[in-house]
C-alpha atoms as a PDB file:
ATOM      1  CA  UNK A   1      65.635  36.688   3.779  1.00  0.00           C
ATOM      2  CA  UNK A   2      63.866  38.375   1.024  1.00  0.00           C
ATOM      3  CA  UNK A   3      62.069  34.823  -0.275  1.00  0.00           C
ATOM      4  CA  UNK A   4      60.023  34.779   2.275  1.00  0.00           C
ATOM      5  CA  UNK A   5      57.811  37.387   2.658  1.00  0.00           C
ATOM      6  CA  UNK A   6      57.019  37.923  -0.484  1.00  0.00           C
ATOM      7  CA  UNK A   7      55.556  33.885  -0.549  1.00  0.00           C
ATOM      8  CA  UNK A   8      54.703  32.580  -4.396  1.00  0.00           C
ATOM      9  CA  UNK A   9      50.451  32.950  -3.792  1.00  0.00           C
ATOM     10  CA  UNK A  10      47.987  34.585  -0.719  1.00  0.00           C
ATOM     11  CA  UNK A  11      46.350  33.753   1.626  1.00  0.00           C
ATOM     12  CA  UNK A  12      43.527  35.605   0.352  1.00  0.00           C
ATOM     13  CA  UNK A  13      43.471  33.695  -2.575  1.00  0.00           C
ATOM     14  CA  UNK A  14      43.332  30.482   0.027  1.00  0.00           C
ATOM     15  CA  UNK A  15      40.436  31.440   1.869  1.00  0.00           C
ATOM     16  CA  UNK A  16      38.265  31.696  -1.380  1.00  0.00           C
ATOM     17  CA  UNK A  17      39.181  28.635  -3.294  1.00  0.00           C
ATOM     18  CA  UNK A  18      37.459  27.133   0.710  1.00  0.00           C
ATOM     19  CA  UNK A  19      35.124  29.642   0.780  1.00  0.00           C
ATOM     20  CA  UNK A  20      34.067  27.692  -2.924  1.00  0.00           C
ATOM     21  CA  UNK A  21      33.786  25.294  -2.062  1.00  0.00           C
ATOM     22  CA  UNK A  22      32.040  24.877   0.065  1.00  0.00           C
ATOM     23  CA  UNK A  23      29.643  26.991  -1.652  1.00  0.00           C
ATOM     24  CA  UNK A  24      29.340  24.569  -3.983  1.00  0.00           C
ATOM     25  CA  UNK A  25      29.216  21.403  -1.932  1.00  0.00           C
ATOM     26  CA  UNK A  26      25.598  23.660  -0.101  1.00  0.00           C
ATOM     27  CA  UNK A  27      23.581  24.307  -3.213  1.00  0.00           C
ATOM     28  CA  UNK A  28      24.715  20.539  -4.250  1.00  0.00           C
ATOM     29  CA  UNK A  29      22.769  19.779  -1.027  1.00  0.00           C
ATOM     30  CA  UNK A  30      20.115  21.185  -1.293  1.00  0.00           C
ATOM     31  CA  UNK A  31      19.519  20.915  -4.260  1.00  0.00           C
ATOM     32  CA  UNK A  32      19.882  16.417  -3.016  1.00  0.00           C
ATOM     33  CA  UNK A  33      17.431  17.827  -0.794  1.00  0.00           C
ATOM     34  CA  UNK A  34      15.023  18.770  -2.675  1.00  0.00           C
ATOM     35  CA  UNK A  35      15.184  15.710  -5.519  1.00  0.00           C
ATOM     36  CA  UNK A  36      14.112  13.677  -2.161  1.00  0.00           C
ATOM     37  CA  UNK A  37      11.540  15.974  -1.893  1.00  0.00           C
ATOM     38  CA  UNK A  38       9.788  16.403  -5.231  1.00  0.00           C
ATOM     39  CA  UNK A  39      10.390  11.972  -5.626  1.00  0.00           C
ATOM     40  CA  UNK A  40       9.218  11.088  -1.791  1.00  0.00           C
ATOM     41  CA  UNK A  41       6.301  13.647  -2.465  1.00  0.00           C
ATOM     42  CA  UNK A  42       5.652  12.131  -6.195  1.00  0.00           C
ATOM     43  CA  UNK A  43       5.771   8.758  -4.476  1.00  0.00           C
ATOM     44  CA  UNK A  44       2.706   9.983  -1.472  1.00  0.00           C
ATOM     45  CA  UNK A  45       0.872  11.152  -4.362  1.00  0.00           C
ATOM     46  CA  UNK A  46       0.916   7.588  -6.549  1.00  0.00           C
ATOM     47  CA  UNK A  47       0.089   5.313  -3.809  1.00  0.00           C
ATOM     48  CA  UNK A  48      -2.621   7.310  -2.401  1.00  0.00           C
ATOM     49  CA  UNK A  49      -4.468   7.009  -5.401  1.00  0.00           C
ATOM     50  CA  UNK A  50      -3.307   2.977  -6.210  1.00  0.00           C
ATOM     51  CA  UNK A  51      -4.455   2.463  -2.946  1.00  0.00           C
ATOM     52  CA  UNK A  52      -7.802   3.621  -3.842  1.00  0.00           C
ATOM     53  CA  UNK A  53      -7.970   1.676  -6.501  1.00  0.00           C
ATOM     54  CA  UNK A  54      -7.256  -1.013  -5.151  1.00  0.00           C
ATOM     55  CA  UNK A  55     -10.674   0.347  -2.664  1.00  0.00           C
ATOM     56  CA  UNK A  56     -12.216   0.720  -5.460  1.00  0.00           C
ATOM     57  CA  UNK A  57     -11.434  -2.930  -6.940  1.00  0.00           C
ATOM     58  CA  UNK A  58     -11.867  -5.008  -3.890  1.00  0.00           C
ATOM     59  CA  UNK A  59     -15.395  -2.774  -2.746  1.00  0.00           C
ATOM     60  CA  UNK A  60     -16.318  -3.604  -6.227  1.00  0.00           C
ATOM     61  CA  UNK A  61     -15.888  -6.934  -5.260  1.00  0.00           C
ATOM     62  CA  UNK A  62     -17.189  -7.062  -2.433  1.00  0.00           C
ATOM     63  CA  UNK A  63     -20.578  -6.633  -3.313  1.00  0.00           C
ATOM     64  CA  UNK A  64     -20.796  -8.948  -6.041  1.00  0.00           C
ATOM     65  CA  UNK A  65     -19.448 -11.784  -3.429  1.00  0.00           C
ATOM     66  CA  UNK A  66     -22.526 -10.428  -0.637  1.00  0.00           C
ATOM     67  CA  UNK A  67     -24.928 -10.601  -3.429  1.00  0.00           C
ATOM     68  CA  UNK A  68     -23.864 -14.030  -4.178  1.00  0.00           C
ATOM     69  CA  UNK A  69     -24.381 -15.314  -0.804  1.00  0.00           C
ATOM     70  CA  UNK A  70     -27.672 -13.333  -0.162  1.00  0.00           C
ATOM     71  CA  UNK A  71     -28.413 -16.297  -3.704  1.00  0.00           C
ATOM     72  CA  UNK A  72     -26.969 -19.031  -1.812  1.00  0.00           C
ATOM     73  CA  UNK A  73     -28.653 -18.472   2.179  1.00  0.00           C
ATOM     74  CA  UNK A  74     -31.966 -18.503   0.419  1.00  0.00           C
ATOM     75  CA  UNK A  75     -32.003 -21.651  -1.572  1.00  0.00           C
ATOM     76  CA  UNK A  76     -32.719 -25.281   0.286  1.00  0.00           C
ATOM     77  CA  UNK A  77     -29.687 -26.614   1.607  1.00  0.00           C
ATOM     78  CA  UNK A  78     -29.797 -29.701  -1.015  1.00  0.00           C
ATOM     79  CA  UNK A  79     -29.478 -27.048  -2.703  1.00  0.00           C
ATOM     80  CA  UNK A  80     -26.933 -25.111  -1.662  1.00  0.00           C
ATOM     81  CA  UNK A  81     -23.744 -26.594  -2.884  1.00  0.00           C
ATOM     82  CA  UNK A  82     -23.565 -25.376  -7.233  1.00  0.00           C
ATOM     83  CA  UNK A  83     -24.489 -22.265  -5.397  1.00  0.00           C
ATOM     84  CA  UNK A  84     -21.556 -23.392  -2.587  1.00  0.00           C
ATOM     85  CA  UNK A  85     -19.501 -24.340  -5.404  1.00  0.00           C
ATOM     86  CA  UNK A  86     -19.764 -20.809  -7.030  1.00  0.00           C
ATOM     87  CA  UNK A  87     -18.536 -18.944  -3.990  1.00  0.00           C
ATOM     88  CA  UNK A  88     -15.870 -20.958  -4.750  1.00  0.00           C
ATOM     89  CA  UNK A  89     -14.911 -20.129  -7.906  1.00  0.00           C
ATOM     90  CA  UNK A  90     -15.172 -16.595  -7.195  1.00  0.00           C
ATOM     91  CA  UNK A  91     -13.373 -16.565  -3.592  1.00  0.00           C
ATOM     92  CA  UNK A  92     -10.598 -18.349  -5.990  1.00  0.00           C
ATOM     93  CA  UNK A  93     -11.101 -15.187  -8.704  1.00  0.00           C
ATOM     94  CA  UNK A  94     -10.712 -12.565  -5.221  1.00  0.00           C
ATOM     95  CA  UNK A  95      -7.860 -14.032  -4.124  1.00  0.00           C
ATOM     96  CA  UNK A  96      -6.203 -14.489  -7.879  1.00  0.00           C
ATOM     97  CA  UNK A  97      -6.048 -10.321  -8.051  1.00  0.00           C
ATOM     98  CA  UNK A  98      -2.963  -7.932  -8.556  1.00  0.00           C
ATOM     99  CA  UNK A  99      -3.093  -5.103  -5.608  1.00  0.00           C
ATOM    100  CA  UNK A 100      -1.435  -2.116  -6.405  1.00  0.00           C
ATOM    101  CA  UNK A 101      -0.282  -1.569  -3.091  1.00  0.00           C
ATOM    102  CA  UNK A 102       1.148  -3.591  -0.044  1.00  0.00           C
ATOM    103  CA  UNK A 103      -2.517  -2.215   1.852  1.00  0.00           C
ATOM    104  CA  UNK A 104      -4.724  -4.029  -0.467  1.00  0.00           C
ATOM    105  CA  UNK A 105      -2.302  -7.239  -0.356  1.00  0.00           C
ATOM    106  CA  UNK A 106      -3.369  -7.423   2.661  1.00  0.00           C
ATOM    107  CA  UNK A 107      -6.938  -6.364   2.153  1.00  0.00           C
ATOM    108  CA  UNK A 108      -6.876  -9.074  -0.173  1.00  0.00           C
ATOM    109  CA  UNK A 109      -5.449 -11.720   2.220  1.00  0.00           C
ATOM    110  CA  UNK A 110      -7.823 -10.770   5.147  1.00  0.00           C
ATOM    111  CA  UNK A 111     -10.616 -10.714   2.755  1.00  0.00           C
ATOM    112  CA  UNK A 112     -10.099 -14.485   1.262  1.00  0.00           C
ATOM    113  CA  UNK A 113      -9.780 -15.576   4.685  1.00  0.00           C
ATOM    114  CA  UNK A 114     -13.321 -14.061   5.336  1.00  0.00           C
ATOM    115  CA  UNK A 115     -14.541 -15.450   2.277  1.00  0.00           C
ATOM    116  CA  UNK A 116     -13.379 -19.167   3.886  1.00  0.00           C
ATOM    117  CA  UNK A 117     -15.567 -18.280   6.286  1.00  0.00           C
ATOM    118  CA  UNK A 118     -18.593 -17.766   4.829  1.00  0.00           C
ATOM    119  CA  UNK A 119     -18.026 -20.603   2.644  1.00  0.00           C
ATOM    120  CA  UNK A 120     -17.575 -22.741   5.925  1.00  0.00           C
ATOM    121  CA  UNK A 121     -20.773 -21.258   7.571  1.00  0.00           C
ATOM    122  CA  UNK A 122     -23.435 -21.785   4.602  1.00  0.00           C
ATOM    123  CA  UNK A 123     -21.442 -25.430   3.674  1.00  0.00           C
ATOM    124  CA  UNK A 124     -22.562 -26.267   7.814  1.00  0.00           C
ATOM    125  CA  UNK A 125     -26.625 -27.141   9.143  1.00  0.00           C
ATOM    126  CA  UNK A 126     -26.045 -25.073  11.695  1.00  0.00           C
ATOM    127  CA  UNK A 127     -23.709 -21.540  10.005  1.00  0.00           C
ATOM    128  CA  UNK A 128     -21.400 -20.822  12.668  1.00  0.00           C
ATOM    129  CA  UNK A 129     -20.104 -17.207  13.310  1.00  0.00           C
ATOM    130  CA  UNK A 130     -18.797 -14.622  10.232  1.00  0.00           C
ATOM    131  CA  UNK A 131     -17.807 -11.659   9.716  1.00  0.00           C
ATOM    132  CA  UNK A 132     -18.673  -8.864   6.752  1.00  0.00           C
ATOM    133  CA  UNK A 133     -16.877  -8.121   4.225  1.00  0.00           C
ATOM    134  CA  UNK A 134     -16.740  -5.405   3.626  1.00  0.00           C
ATOM    135  CA  UNK A 135     -15.977  -4.416   7.471  1.00  0.00           C
ATOM    136  CA  UNK A 136     -12.689  -6.406   7.530  1.00  0.00           C
ATOM    137  CA  UNK A 137     -11.364  -5.140   3.324  1.00  0.00           C
ATOM    138  CA  UNK A 138     -11.774  -1.375   4.660  1.00  0.00           C
ATOM    139  CA  UNK A 139     -10.766  -1.561   7.375  1.00  0.00           C
ATOM    140  CA  UNK A 140      -7.164  -2.823   6.549  1.00  0.00           C
ATOM    141  CA  UNK A 141      -7.534  -0.464   3.832  1.00  0.00           C
ATOM    142  CA  UNK A 142      -7.157   2.172   6.581  1.00  0.00           C
ATOM    143  CA  UNK A 143      -5.065   0.647   9.079  1.00  0.00           C
ATOM    144  CA  UNK A 144      -2.559   0.024   6.225  1.00  0.00           C
ATOM    145  CA  UNK A 145      -2.658   3.794   4.672  1.00  0.00           C
ATOM    146  CA  UNK A 146      -3.150   5.199   8.111  1.00  0.00           C
ATOM    147  CA  UNK A 147       1.026   2.712   8.750  1.00  0.00           C
ATOM    148  CA  UNK A 148       1.660   3.943   5.460  1.00  0.00           C
ATOM    149  CA  UNK A 149       5.832   4.931   5.525  1.00  0.00           C
ATOM    150  CA  UNK A 150       5.899   4.126   9.121  1.00  0.00           C
ATOM    151  CA  UNK A 151       8.107   1.121   8.095  1.00  0.00           C
ATOM    152  CA  UNK A 152      11.517   3.889   6.420  1.00  0.00           C
ATOM    153  CA  UNK A 153      13.954   4.380   9.357  1.00  0.00           C
ATOM    154  CA  UNK A 154      14.115   7.639  10.623  1.00  0.00           C
END
């Protein structure tokens, strides 16, 4: 019976071990959280820069496009065919542009649809309804940027 009163190891040593394990696990969790937040912040900053670059590229495309459309519109109906072919080539080039972000891709696709509508309108004798290409690009980028991160489950 004397052996039962003298345990091989003291009870305080087990508690200390558990406290150390819990403390290490807590520090690991905090470190992981800090690393995740840092990576997320960096990704948001890179996305913001990429969206700005996409916006600048697309606004340049639209400015050139609108100048070319103005020239084509000023031509008499019989001379528009060559200008319309040039517009088609410009629209194809816009479709080939590689966006940096999904927002840029969405804006590029909407711009291409507006370009096709504009080309069709110019080819008709009586022009149809067309939309402002710059407004379409700006709206697509603004909407997409505002919804960034909402598709990630929380």
